[in-house]
Amino acid sequence: MTWSPVLSGVGRKRLTLLFVYRPLSEIDGILADARRMGVRTIWRQPNIANNDRDAVAWRAGVEAVGLAYLDTPDIVEVAQELGRSS
């Protein structure tokens, strides 16, 4: 599977945060698209199944192109918390 951004309703607006759950092999395309879209921060969902072996490489790649990197808090936990508070 290859990276394909979903930009429903975004139009020509700039994105500041991009959430990703993709393998490390797709990082180059993701970062190129992120920079083109004006993204400032990559929020990556860790791969729990493989003990997140790619975390260091993801952080290094993201920061090497001048973007901020997050992998905590877990997006699922944030979504659940938002659901409970609404």
PDB file of N, CA and C in Angstrom:
ATOM      1  N   MET A   1       0.841  -1.168   0.000  1.00  0.00           N
ATOM      2  CA  MET A   1       0.000   0.000   0.000  1.00  0.00           C
ATOM      3  C   MET A   1       0.892   1.238   0.000  1.00  0.00           C
ATOM      4  N   THR A   2       0.489   2.257  -0.714  1.00  0.00           N
ATOM      5  CA  THR A   2       1.279   3.473  -0.746  1.00  0.00           C
ATOM      6  C   THR A   2       0.551   4.611  -0.056  1.00  0.00           C
ATOM      7  N   TRP A   3       1.287   5.605   0.297  1.00  0.00           N
ATOM      8  CA  TRP A   3       0.771   6.794   0.971  1.00  0.00           C
ATOM      9  C   TRP A   3      -0.130   7.580   0.038  1.00  0.00           C
ATOM     10  N   SER A   4      -1.272   7.967   0.510  1.00  0.00           N
ATOM     11  CA  SER A   4      -2.180   8.821  -0.252  1.00  0.00           C
ATOM     12  C   SER A   4      -2.929   9.700   0.745  1.00  0.00           C
ATOM     13  N   PRO A   5      -2.621  11.004   0.787  1.00  0.00           N
ATOM     14  CA  PRO A   5      -3.283  11.859   1.773  1.00  0.00           C
ATOM     15  C   PRO A   5      -4.774  11.990   1.497  1.00  0.00           C
ATOM     16  N   VAL A   6      -5.551  12.003   2.547  1.00  0.00           N
ATOM     17  CA  VAL A   6      -6.993  12.218   2.441  1.00  0.00           C
ATOM     18  C   VAL A   6      -7.248  13.628   2.948  1.00  0.00           C
ATOM     19  N   LEU A   7      -7.708  14.491   2.056  1.00  0.00           N
ATOM     20  CA  LEU A   7      -7.866  15.893   2.406  1.00  0.00           C
ATOM     21  C   LEU A   7      -9.306  16.344   2.262  1.00  0.00           C
ATOM     22  N   SER A   8     -10.221  15.577   2.724  1.00  0.00           N
ATOM     23  CA  SER A   8     -11.635  15.890   2.611  1.00  0.00           C
ATOM     24  C   SER A   8     -11.947  17.252   3.221  1.00  0.00           C
ATOM     25  N   GLY A   9     -12.492  18.141   2.418  1.00  0.00           N
ATOM     26  CA  GLY A   9     -12.909  19.442   2.907  1.00  0.00           C
ATOM     27  C   GLY A   9     -11.793  20.428   3.168  1.00  0.00           C
ATOM     28  N   VAL A  10     -10.572  20.104   2.803  1.00  0.00           N
ATOM     29  CA  VAL A  10      -9.447  20.977   3.103  1.00  0.00           C
ATOM     30  C   VAL A  10      -9.289  22.081   2.063  1.00  0.00           C
ATOM     31  N   GLY A  11      -9.546  21.772   0.802  1.00  0.00           N
ATOM     32  CA  GLY A  11      -9.384  22.773  -0.251  1.00  0.00           C
ATOM     33  C   GLY A  11      -7.947  23.259  -0.327  1.00  0.00           C
ATOM     34  N   ARG A  12      -7.771  24.559  -0.383  1.00  0.00           N
ATOM     35  CA  ARG A  12      -6.426  25.129  -0.485  1.00  0.00           C
ATOM     36  C   ARG A  12      -5.862  25.574   0.864  1.00  0.00           C
ATOM     37  N   LYS A  13      -6.514  25.229   1.938  1.00  0.00           N
ATOM     38  CA  LYS A  13      -6.023  25.594   3.261  1.00  0.00           C
ATOM     39  C   LYS A  13      -4.724  24.865   3.567  1.00  0.00           C
ATOM     40  N   ARG A  14      -3.911  25.453   4.419  1.00  0.00           N
ATOM     41  CA  ARG A  14      -2.669  24.825   4.863  1.00  0.00           C
ATOM     42  C   ARG A  14      -2.958  23.962   6.085  1.00  0.00           C
ATOM     43  N   LEU A  15      -2.336  22.827   6.146  1.00  0.00           N
ATOM     44  CA  LEU A  15      -2.461  21.956   7.312  1.00  0.00           C
ATOM     45  C   LEU A  15      -1.312  22.260   8.258  1.00  0.00           C
ATOM     46  N   THR A  16      -1.547  22.207   9.548  1.00  0.00           N
ATOM     47  CA  THR A  16      -0.451  22.399  10.493  1.00  0.00           C
ATOM     48  C   THR A  16      -0.071  21.098  11.188  1.00  0.00           C
ATOM     49  N   LEU A  17      -0.980  20.132  11.188  1.00  0.00           N
ATOM     50  CA  LEU A  17      -0.751  18.861  11.859  1.00  0.00           C
ATOM     51  C   LEU A  17      -1.183  17.730  10.940  1.00  0.00           C
ATOM     52  N   LEU A  18      -0.330  16.744  10.803  1.00  0.00           N
ATOM     53  CA  LEU A  18      -0.661  15.574   9.991  1.00  0.00           C
ATOM     54  C   LEU A  18      -0.520  14.340  10.867  1.00  0.00           C
ATOM     55  N   PHE A  19      -1.597  13.579  10.990  1.00  0.00           N
ATOM     56  CA  PHE A  19      -1.579  12.334  11.741  1.00  0.00           C
ATOM     57  C   PHE A  19      -1.280  11.189  10.780  1.00  0.00           C
ATOM     58  N   VAL A  20      -0.325  10.330  11.133  1.00  0.00           N
ATOM     59  CA  VAL A  20       0.017   9.208  10.262  1.00  0.00           C
ATOM     60  C   VAL A  20       0.119   7.905  11.046  1.00  0.00           C
ATOM     61  N   TYR A  21      -0.262   6.843  10.368  1.00  0.00           N
ATOM     62  CA  TYR A  21      -0.059   5.473  10.841  1.00  0.00           C
ATOM     63  C   TYR A  21       0.348   4.688   9.613  1.00  0.00           C
ATOM     64  N   ARG A  22       1.584   4.836   9.232  1.00  0.00           N
ATOM     65  CA  ARG A  22       2.118   4.225   8.022  1.00  0.00           C
ATOM     66  C   ARG A  22       3.478   3.612   8.339  1.00  0.00           C
ATOM     67  N   PRO A  23       3.920   2.660   7.524  1.00  0.00           N
ATOM     68  CA  PRO A  23       5.231   2.056   7.751  1.00  0.00           C
ATOM     69  C   PRO A  23       6.366   3.025   7.408  1.00  0.00           C
ATOM     70  N   LEU A  24       7.507   2.787   7.991  1.00  0.00           N
ATOM     71  CA  LEU A  24       8.686   3.613   7.765  1.00  0.00           C
ATOM     72  C   LEU A  24       9.061   3.683   6.282  1.00  0.00           C
ATOM     73  N   SER A  25       8.782   2.631   5.539  1.00  0.00           N
ATOM     74  CA  SER A  25       9.135   2.609   4.114  1.00  0.00           C
ATOM     75  C   SER A  25       8.443   3.717   3.320  1.00  0.00           C
ATOM     76  N   GLU A  26       7.402   4.324   3.874  1.00  0.00           N
ATOM     77  CA  GLU A  26       6.668   5.379   3.176  1.00  0.00           C
ATOM     78  C   GLU A  26       7.027   6.787   3.652  1.00  0.00           C
ATOM     79  N   ILE A  27       8.023   6.902   4.521  1.00  0.00           N
ATOM     80  CA  ILE A  27       8.324   8.189   5.140  1.00  0.00           C
ATOM     81  C   ILE A  27       8.696   9.273   4.122  1.00  0.00           C
ATOM     82  N   ASP A  28       9.474   8.946   3.111  1.00  0.00           N
ATOM     83  CA  ASP A  28       9.916   9.973   2.160  1.00  0.00           C
ATOM     84  C   ASP A  28       8.736  10.648   1.463  1.00  0.00           C
ATOM     85  N   GLY A  29       7.795   9.873   0.980  1.00  0.00           N
ATOM     86  CA  GLY A  29       6.623  10.436   0.328  1.00  0.00           C
ATOM     87  C   GLY A  29       5.750  11.218   1.281  1.00  0.00           C
ATOM     88  N   ILE A  30       5.608  10.712   2.489  1.00  0.00           N
ATOM     89  CA  ILE A  30       4.794  11.399   3.489  1.00  0.00           C
ATOM     90  C   ILE A  30       5.400  12.752   3.829  1.00  0.00           C
ATOM     91  N   LEU A  31       6.703  12.778   4.051  1.00  0.00           N
ATOM     92  CA  LEU A  31       7.351  14.039   4.411  1.00  0.00           C
ATOM     93  C   LEU A  31       7.334  15.038   3.253  1.00  0.00           C
ATOM     94  N   ALA A  32       7.505  14.555   2.039  1.00  0.00           N
ATOM     95  CA  ALA A  32       7.430  15.452   0.880  1.00  0.00           C
ATOM     96  C   ALA A  32       6.039  16.070   0.776  1.00  0.00           C
ATOM     97  N   ASP A  33       5.004  15.261   0.924  1.00  0.00           N
ATOM     98  CA  ASP A  33       3.639  15.773   0.865  1.00  0.00           C
ATOM     99  C   ASP A  33       3.355  16.706   2.046  1.00  0.00           C
ATOM    100  N   ALA A  34       3.845  16.355   3.212  1.00  0.00           N
ATOM    101  CA  ALA A  34       3.615  17.181   4.405  1.00  0.00           C
ATOM    102  C   ALA A  34       4.212  18.571   4.207  1.00  0.00           C
ATOM    103  N   ARG A  35       5.412  18.628   3.698  1.00  0.00           N
ATOM    104  CA  ARG A  35       6.050  19.933   3.470  1.00  0.00           C
ATOM    105  C   ARG A  35       5.294  20.721   2.414  1.00  0.00           C
ATOM    106  N   ARG A  36       4.841  20.061   1.371  1.00  0.00           N
ATOM    107  CA  ARG A  36       4.092  20.718   0.302  1.00  0.00           C
ATOM    108  C   ARG A  36       2.775  21.293   0.839  1.00  0.00           C
ATOM    109  N   MET A  37       2.166  20.603   1.795  1.00  0.00           N
ATOM    110  CA  MET A  37       0.888  21.033   2.355  1.00  0.00           C
ATOM    111  C   MET A  37       1.050  22.036   3.497  1.00  0.00           C
ATOM    112  N   GLY A  38       2.275  22.373   3.853  1.00  0.00           N
ATOM    113  CA  GLY A  38       2.503  23.347   4.912  1.00  0.00           C
ATOM    114  C   GLY A  38       2.419  22.785   6.319  1.00  0.00           C
ATOM    115  N   VAL A  39       2.502  21.478   6.451  1.00  0.00           N
ATOM    116  CA  VAL A  39       2.426  20.827   7.760  1.00  0.00           C
ATOM    117  C   VAL A  39       3.627  21.257   8.607  1.00  0.00           C
ATOM    118  N   ARG A  40       3.364  21.473   9.881  1.00  0.00           N
ATOM    119  CA  ARG A  40       4.436  21.832  10.812  1.00  0.00           C
ATOM    120  C   ARG A  40       4.775  20.700  11.778  1.00  0.00           C
ATOM    121  N   THR A  41       3.787  19.826  12.002  1.00  0.00           N
ATOM    122  CA  THR A  41       3.962  18.749  12.983  1.00  0.00           C
ATOM    123  C   THR A  41       3.414  17.444  12.436  1.00  0.00           C
ATOM    124  N   ILE A  42       4.188  16.376  12.604  1.00  0.00           N
ATOM    125  CA  ILE A  42       3.744  15.018  12.297  1.00  0.00           C
ATOM    126  C   ILE A  42       3.404  14.348  13.627  1.00  0.00           C
ATOM    127  N   TRP A  43       2.171  13.884  13.747  1.00  0.00           N
ATOM    128  CA  TRP A  43       1.741  13.134  14.930  1.00  0.00           C
ATOM    129  C   TRP A  43       1.577  11.701  14.472  1.00  0.00           C
ATOM    130  N   ARG A  44       2.465  10.854  14.910  1.00  0.00           N
ATOM    131  CA  ARG A  44       2.523   9.471  14.437  1.00  0.00           C
ATOM    132  C   ARG A  44       1.967   8.511  15.474  1.00  0.00           C
ATOM    133  N   GLN A  45       1.093   7.621  15.020  1.00  0.00           N
ATOM    134  CA  GLN A  45       0.576   6.569  15.890  1.00  0.00           C
ATOM    135  C   GLN A  45       1.613   5.455  15.952  1.00  0.00           C
ATOM    136  N   PRO A  46       2.159   5.147  17.124  1.00  0.00           N
ATOM    137  CA  PRO A  46       3.160   4.086  17.236  1.00  0.00           C
ATOM    138  C   PRO A  46       2.612   2.723  16.824  1.00  0.00           C
ATOM    139  N   ASN A  47       3.483   1.888  16.311  1.00  0.00           N
ATOM    140  CA  ASN A  47       3.127   0.524  15.929  1.00  0.00           C
ATOM    141  C   ASN A  47       3.380  -0.390  17.124  1.00  0.00           C
ATOM    142  N   ILE A  48       2.354  -0.631  17.875  1.00  0.00           N
ATOM    143  CA  ILE A  48       2.465  -1.450  19.088  1.00  0.00           C
ATOM    144  C   ILE A  48       2.814  -2.899  18.748  1.00  0.00           C
ATOM    145  N   ALA A  49       2.340  -3.382  17.608  1.00  0.00           N
ATOM    146  CA  ALA A  49       2.553  -4.781  17.225  1.00  0.00           C
ATOM    147  C   ALA A  49       4.030  -5.140  17.091  1.00  0.00           C
ATOM    148  N   ASN A  50       4.878  -4.170  16.691  1.00  0.00           N
ATOM    149  CA  ASN A  50       6.307  -4.497  16.541  1.00  0.00           C
ATOM    150  C   ASN A  50       7.155  -3.778  17.589  1.00  0.00           C
ATOM    151  N   ASN A  51       6.540  -3.448  18.723  1.00  0.00           N
ATOM    152  CA  ASN A  51       7.219  -2.729  19.808  1.00  0.00           C
ATOM    153  C   ASN A  51       7.778  -1.391  19.332  1.00  0.00           C
ATOM    154  N   ASP A  52       7.187  -0.844  18.285  1.00  0.00           N
ATOM    155  CA  ASP A  52       7.539   0.452  17.707  1.00  0.00           C
ATOM    156  C   ASP A  52       9.038   0.579  17.429  1.00  0.00           C
ATOM    157  N   ARG A  53       9.579  -0.421  16.772  1.00  0.00           N
ATOM    158  CA  ARG A  53      11.008  -0.420  16.421  1.00  0.00           C
ATOM    159  C   ARG A  53      11.406   0.753  15.537  1.00  0.00           C
ATOM    160  N   ASP A  54      10.443   1.369  14.840  1.00  0.00           N
ATOM    161  CA  ASP A  54      10.766   2.435  13.893  1.00  0.00           C
ATOM    162  C   ASP A  54      10.689   3.830  14.494  1.00  0.00           C
ATOM    163  N   ALA A  55      10.402   3.958  15.770  1.00  0.00           N
ATOM    164  CA  ALA A  55      10.189   5.267  16.387  1.00  0.00           C
ATOM    165  C   ALA A  55      11.392   6.196  16.228  1.00  0.00           C
ATOM    166  N   VAL A  56      12.584   5.691  16.480  1.00  0.00           N
ATOM    167  CA  VAL A  56      13.782   6.529  16.396  1.00  0.00           C
ATOM    168  C   VAL A  56      13.999   7.014  14.969  1.00  0.00           C
ATOM    169  N   ALA A  57      13.833   6.125  14.002  1.00  0.00           N
ATOM    170  CA  ALA A  57      14.012   6.500  12.598  1.00  0.00           C
ATOM    171  C   ALA A  57      12.947   7.495  12.153  1.00  0.00           C
ATOM    172  N   TRP A  58      11.718   7.305  12.597  1.00  0.00           N
ATOM    173  CA  TRP A  58      10.653   8.259  12.257  1.00  0.00           C
ATOM    174  C   TRP A  58      10.990   9.638  12.807  1.00  0.00           C
ATOM    175  N   ARG A  59      11.334   9.712  14.078  1.00  0.00           N
ATOM    176  CA  ARG A  59      11.657  11.000  14.698  1.00  0.00           C
ATOM    177  C   ARG A  59      12.813  11.666  13.958  1.00  0.00           C
ATOM    178  N   ALA A  60      13.871  10.922  13.675  1.00  0.00           N
ATOM    179  CA  ALA A  60      15.035  11.487  12.991  1.00  0.00           C
ATOM    180  C   ALA A  60      14.663  12.017  11.609  1.00  0.00           C
ATOM    181  N   GLY A  61      13.866  11.258  10.871  1.00  0.00           N
ATOM    182  CA  GLY A  61      13.466  11.678   9.534  1.00  0.00           C
ATOM    183  C   GLY A  61      12.612  12.923   9.541  1.00  0.00           C
ATOM    184  N   VAL A  62      11.656  12.971  10.447  1.00  0.00           N
ATOM    185  CA  VAL A  62      10.751  14.121  10.548  1.00  0.00           C
ATOM    186  C   VAL A  62      11.527  15.369  10.958  1.00  0.00           C
ATOM    187  N   GLU A  63      12.344  15.243  11.988  1.00  0.00           N
ATOM    188  CA  GLU A  63      13.092  16.395  12.465  1.00  0.00           C
ATOM    189  C   GLU A  63      14.160  16.849  11.470  1.00  0.00           C
ATOM    190  N   ALA A  64      14.673  15.921  10.658  1.00  0.00           N
ATOM    191  CA  ALA A  64      15.693  16.268   9.655  1.00  0.00           C
ATOM    192  C   ALA A  64      15.156  17.229   8.591  1.00  0.00           C
ATOM    193  N   VAL A  65      13.840  17.203   8.345  1.00  0.00           N
ATOM    194  CA  VAL A  65      13.265  18.118   7.356  1.00  0.00           C
ATOM    195  C   VAL A  65      12.639  19.343   8.025  1.00  0.00           C
ATOM    196  N   GLY A  66      12.913  19.517   9.313  1.00  0.00           N
ATOM    197  CA  GLY A  66      12.477  20.717  10.012  1.00  0.00           C
ATOM    198  C   GLY A  66      11.062  20.700  10.565  1.00  0.00           C
ATOM    199  N   LEU A  67      10.486  19.520  10.696  1.00  0.00           N
ATOM    200  CA  LEU A  67       9.139  19.415  11.254  1.00  0.00           C
ATOM    201  C   LEU A  67       9.205  18.896  12.681  1.00  0.00           C
ATOM    202  N   ALA A  68       8.177  19.215  13.453  1.00  0.00           N
ATOM    203  CA  ALA A  68       8.071  18.692  14.816  1.00  0.00           C
ATOM    204  C   ALA A  68       7.486  17.282  14.756  1.00  0.00           C
ATOM    205  N   TYR A  69       7.851  16.455  15.730  1.00  0.00           N
ATOM    206  CA  TYR A  69       7.414  15.053  15.769  1.00  0.00           C
ATOM    207  C   TYR A  69       6.756  14.753  17.111  1.00  0.00           C
ATOM    208  N   LEU A  70       5.589  14.114  17.050  1.00  0.00           N
ATOM    209  CA  LEU A  70       4.895  13.634  18.246  1.00  0.00           C
ATOM    210  C   LEU A  70       4.530  12.166  18.049  1.00  0.00           C
ATOM    211  N   ASP A  71       4.626  11.383  19.113  1.00  0.00           N
ATOM    212  CA  ASP A  71       4.049  10.040  19.081  1.00  0.00           C
ATOM    213  C   ASP A  71       3.337   9.733  20.389  1.00  0.00           C
ATOM    214  N   THR A  72       3.246  10.729  21.229  1.00  0.00           N
ATOM    215  CA  THR A  72       2.445  10.663  22.445  1.00  0.00           C
ATOM    216  C   THR A  72       1.771  12.011  22.624  1.00  0.00           C
ATOM    217  N   PRO A  73       0.583  12.078  23.137  1.00  0.00           N
ATOM    218  CA  PRO A  73      -0.234  10.964  23.588  1.00  0.00           C
ATOM    219  C   PRO A  73      -0.774  10.154  22.413  1.00  0.00           C
ATOM    220  N   ASP A  74      -1.197   8.964  22.701  1.00  0.00           N
ATOM    221  CA  ASP A  74      -1.785   8.066  21.715  1.00  0.00           C
ATOM    222  C   ASP A  74      -3.090   8.677  21.193  1.00  0.00           C
ATOM    223  N   ILE A  75      -3.224   8.752  19.876  1.00  0.00           N
ATOM    224  CA  ILE A  75      -4.404   9.373  19.271  1.00  0.00           C
ATOM    225  C   ILE A  75      -5.703   8.663  19.656  1.00  0.00           C
ATOM    226  N   VAL A  76      -5.644   7.359  19.847  1.00  0.00           N
ATOM    227  CA  VAL A  76      -6.839   6.613  20.243  1.00  0.00           C
ATOM    228  C   VAL A  76      -7.289   7.063  21.633  1.00  0.00           C
ATOM    229  N   GLU A  77      -6.337   7.241  22.539  1.00  0.00           N
ATOM    230  CA  GLU A  77      -6.677   7.705  23.879  1.00  0.00           C
ATOM    231  C   GLU A  77      -7.257   9.114  23.850  1.00  0.00           C
ATOM    232  N   VAL A  78      -6.709   9.975  23.017  1.00  0.00           N
ATOM    233  CA  VAL A  78      -7.217  11.340  22.904  1.00  0.00           C
ATOM    234  C   VAL A  78      -8.655  11.319  22.373  1.00  0.00           C
ATOM    235  N   ALA A  79      -8.891  10.527  21.336  1.00  0.00           N
ATOM    236  CA  ALA A  79     -10.236  10.432  20.760  1.00  0.00           C
ATOM    237  C   ALA A  79     -11.232   9.900  21.787  1.00  0.00           C
ATOM    238  N   GLN A  80     -10.819   8.897  22.554  1.00  0.00           N
ATOM    239  CA  GLN A  80     -11.708   8.354  23.587  1.00  0.00           C
ATOM    240  C   GLN A  80     -12.009   9.394  24.651  1.00  0.00           C
ATOM    241  N   GLU A  81     -10.999  10.144  25.047  1.00  0.00           N
ATOM    242  CA  GLU A  81     -11.201  11.188  26.049  1.00  0.00           C
ATOM    243  C   GLU A  81     -12.127  12.270  25.526  1.00  0.00           C
ATOM    244  N   LEU A  82     -11.952  12.673  24.284  1.00  0.00           N
ATOM    245  CA  LEU A  82     -12.839  13.676  23.691  1.00  0.00           C
ATOM    246  C   LEU A  82     -14.279  13.158  23.626  1.00  0.00           C
ATOM    247  N   GLY A  83     -14.430  11.878  23.329  1.00  0.00           N
ATOM    248  CA  GLY A  83     -15.758  11.277  23.286  1.00  0.00           C
ATOM    249  C   GLY A  83     -16.437  11.274  24.639  1.00  0.00           C
ATOM    250  N   ARG A  84     -15.664  11.044  25.692  1.00  0.00           N
ATOM    251  CA  ARG A  84     -16.219  11.027  27.044  1.00  0.00           C
ATOM    252  C   ARG A  84     -16.593  12.440  27.515  1.00  0.00           C
ATOM    253  N   SER A  85     -15.878  13.443  27.018  1.00  0.00           N
ATOM    254  CA  SER A  85     -16.119  14.806  27.501  1.00  0.00           C
ATOM    255  C   SER A  85     -17.228  15.529  26.733  1.00  0.00           C
ATOM    256  N   SER A  86     -17.720  14.907  25.656  1.00  0.00           N
ATOM    257  CA  SER A  86     -18.764  15.602  24.886  1.00  0.00           C
ATOM    258  C   SER A  86     -20.153  15.154  25.254  1.00  0.00           C
TER     259      SER A  86
END
